[in-house]
Amino acid sequence: MSWADTTGAAAFDDVLLPLEFEDLARSKPRPGSSVGYRAAWLLRKAALFDRLASTDPTRADTATAAARRAREAGRRLQAQLIDALTPELVTCDERPASLTSCPGQRGDMSKPREEPARPRLGRSTRSLIRSNEDPVGRGPRLADPQVSRHREP
């Protein structure tokens, strides 16, 4: 196979796909990764094995079996994730419509939101703000008066 052959449209299927297949077949998801990440990883692996099975007849049986196992494992993990989240989702659904999210979550509407205290401006900051204002009160000064948005009549 020449270099020109590997740069064509079929290069992925002929060269890169078998390499990625071998790499992915040996790889494992990151330790400590979430159930959702592992499920997505397994389903990606299944899709890659399906593609390899359709492009490489010598590995079709092995790739099809690996794709089936990866897809089943990915779907089992997805089911576990849904089962784990179901109690939280049911709890949210039972709440009044005016409360849009579960307690403790970001955007919780069940209790009033506390506004953070605004930082106090120091004397130098206030004077900097004042010095940047236009004396007529039309907003901030611009460096070049010809570029000014406020045109004098």
Protein backbone atom coordinates (compact mmCIF):
# COMPACT_ATOMS: atom_id res chain seq x y z
CA MET A 1 0.00 0.00 0.00
CA SER A 2 1.45 3.34 -1.01
CA TRP A 3 1.16 6.67 0.77
CA ALA A 4 -1.33 7.88 -1.85
CA ASP A 5 -3.62 4.96 -1.00
CA THR A 6 -3.71 5.92 2.68
CA THR A 7 -4.74 9.51 1.98
CA GLY A 8 -7.87 8.60 0.01
CA ALA A 9 -11.45 8.43 1.25
CA ALA A 10 -11.12 4.73 2.06
CA ALA A 11 -8.09 5.30 4.29
CA PHE A 12 -10.17 5.25 7.45
CA ASP A 13 -11.72 1.89 6.65
CA ASP A 14 -8.52 0.33 5.29
CA VAL A 15 -5.88 1.63 7.68
CA LEU A 16 -7.20 3.57 10.63
CA LEU A 17 -10.28 1.51 11.45
CA PRO A 18 -8.35 -1.74 12.10
CA LEU A 19 -5.85 0.19 14.23
CA GLU A 20 -8.64 1.84 16.20
CA PHE A 21 -10.39 -1.52 16.49
CA GLU A 22 -7.32 -3.14 18.05
CA ASP A 23 -6.75 -0.13 20.29
CA LEU A 24 -10.36 -0.01 21.46
CA ALA A 25 -10.60 -3.77 21.86
CA ARG A 26 -7.76 -3.65 24.42
CA SER A 27 -8.80 -0.41 26.11
CA LYS A 28 -11.03 0.05 29.12
CA PRO A 29 -12.96 3.11 30.33
CA ARG A 30 -11.18 5.40 32.77
CA PRO A 31 -11.14 4.08 36.33
CA GLY A 32 -13.66 5.88 38.50
CA SER A 33 -15.62 7.15 35.50
CA SER A 34 -19.35 7.68 35.82
CA VAL A 35 -21.95 5.13 34.79
CA GLY A 36 -23.12 7.43 32.02
CA TYR A 37 -19.58 7.78 30.64
CA ARG A 38 -19.03 4.01 30.70
CA ALA A 39 -22.37 3.38 28.97
CA ALA A 40 -21.55 5.90 26.23
CA TRP A 41 -18.06 4.42 25.87
CA LEU A 42 -19.47 0.90 25.45
CA LEU A 43 -22.03 2.04 22.88
CA ARG A 44 -19.28 3.85 20.94
CA LYS A 45 -17.23 0.67 21.06
CA ALA A 46 -20.22 -1.32 19.74
CA ALA A 47 -20.66 1.13 16.85
CA LEU A 48 -16.99 0.84 15.95
CA PHE A 49 -17.17 -2.96 16.02
CA ASP A 50 -20.27 -2.85 13.78
CA ARG A 51 -18.41 -0.67 11.31
CA LEU A 52 -15.42 -2.98 11.36
CA ALA A 53 -17.67 -6.00 10.79
CA SER A 54 -19.15 -4.33 7.70
CA THR A 55 -15.76 -3.36 6.23
CA ASP A 56 -13.48 -6.28 7.14
CA PRO A 57 -14.93 -9.71 6.23
CA THR A 58 -12.05 -11.55 7.91
CA ARG A 59 -12.99 -10.08 11.29
CA ALA A 60 -16.75 -9.85 10.78
CA ASP A 61 -17.73 -12.66 13.18
CA THR A 62 -15.45 -11.48 15.97
CA ALA A 63 -16.43 -7.83 15.51
CA THR A 64 -20.15 -8.64 15.42
CA ALA A 65 -19.92 -10.68 18.62
CA ALA A 66 -17.89 -7.94 20.33
CA ALA A 67 -20.38 -5.30 19.16
CA ARG A 68 -23.29 -7.33 20.55
CA ARG A 69 -21.59 -7.79 23.94
CA ALA A 70 -20.58 -4.11 24.16
CA ARG A 71 -24.08 -2.96 23.16
CA GLU A 72 -25.74 -5.22 25.76
CA ALA A 73 -23.36 -4.02 28.48
CA GLY A 74 -23.91 -0.38 27.49
CA ARG A 75 -27.68 -0.80 27.59
CA ARG A 76 -27.48 -2.51 30.99
CA LEU A 77 -25.49 0.45 32.32
CA GLN A 78 -28.00 2.87 30.82
CA ALA A 79 -30.82 0.96 32.54
CA GLN A 80 -28.93 1.11 35.86
CA LEU A 81 -28.47 4.84 35.42
CA ILE A 82 -32.17 5.36 34.68
CA ASP A 83 -33.14 3.18 37.67
CA ALA A 84 -30.85 5.20 39.92
CA LEU A 85 -32.28 8.52 38.69
CA THR A 86 -35.94 7.47 38.71
CA PRO A 87 -36.60 8.23 42.41
CA GLU A 88 -35.26 11.76 41.96
CA LEU A 89 -37.30 12.28 38.81
CA VAL A 90 -40.49 11.00 40.48
CA THR A 91 -39.91 13.31 43.43
CA CYS A 92 -39.65 16.27 41.08
CA ASP A 93 -42.78 15.28 39.16
CA GLU A 94 -44.86 15.17 42.34
CA ARG A 95 -44.03 18.77 43.24
CA PRO A 96 -46.36 21.65 42.37
CA ALA A 97 -45.92 23.06 38.89
CA SER A 98 -44.80 26.41 40.31
CA LEU A 99 -41.65 24.79 41.69
CA THR A 100 -39.59 23.86 38.69
CA SER A 101 -36.71 21.89 40.17
CA CYS A 102 -35.83 19.47 42.94
CA PRO A 103 -34.70 20.71 46.36
CA GLY A 104 -31.00 21.27 46.64
CA GLN A 105 -30.50 21.52 42.92
CA ARG A 106 -29.29 24.57 41.11
CA GLY A 107 -32.29 26.71 40.27
CA ASP A 108 -34.28 25.48 43.28
CA MET A 109 -37.40 27.64 43.54
CA SER A 110 -38.66 26.25 46.87
CA LYS A 111 -36.89 28.86 48.98
CA PRO A 112 -35.95 32.47 48.29
CA ARG A 113 -32.58 33.01 46.74
CA GLU A 114 -30.05 34.85 48.82
CA GLU A 115 -28.26 37.60 46.98
CA PRO A 116 -24.52 37.77 47.62
CA ALA A 117 -23.31 40.96 49.25
CA ARG A 118 -22.00 43.45 46.71
CA PRO A 119 -18.36 44.31 47.19
CA ARG A 120 -17.75 47.81 48.43
CA LEU A 121 -15.92 50.04 46.02
CA GLY A 122 -12.81 51.70 47.31
CA ARG A 123 -12.12 55.42 46.93
CA SER A 124 -9.77 54.87 43.97
CA THR A 125 -12.35 52.78 42.11
CA ARG A 126 -15.09 55.38 42.61
CA SER A 127 -12.81 58.19 41.42
CA LEU A 128 -11.80 56.13 38.39
CA ILE A 129 -15.45 55.61 37.52
CA ARG A 130 -16.19 59.33 37.97
CA SER A 131 -13.18 60.40 35.90
CA ASN A 132 -14.30 58.21 33.01
CA GLU A 133 -17.78 59.79 32.89
CA ASP A 134 -18.59 62.60 30.54
CA PRO A 135 -19.05 65.90 32.45
CA VAL A 136 -22.34 66.50 30.62
CA GLY A 137 -23.61 63.13 31.84
CA ARG A 138 -23.89 61.37 28.53
CA GLY A 139 -21.93 58.27 29.49
CA PRO A 140 -18.29 57.27 29.35
CA ARG A 141 -15.74 59.36 27.51
CA LEU A 142 -14.15 57.96 24.39
CA ALA A 143 -10.48 58.45 23.63
CA ASP A 144 -11.03 60.09 20.25
CA PRO A 145 -13.77 62.76 20.11
CA GLN A 146 -14.23 62.12 16.36
CA VAL A 147 -15.23 58.54 17.12
CA SER A 148 -17.74 59.62 19.76
CA ARG A 149 -21.23 58.16 19.51
CA HIS A 150 -22.70 61.44 20.78
CA ARG A 151 -22.55 64.00 18.01
CA GLU A 152 -22.99 67.65 18.87
CA PRO A 153 -25.64 69.47 16.74
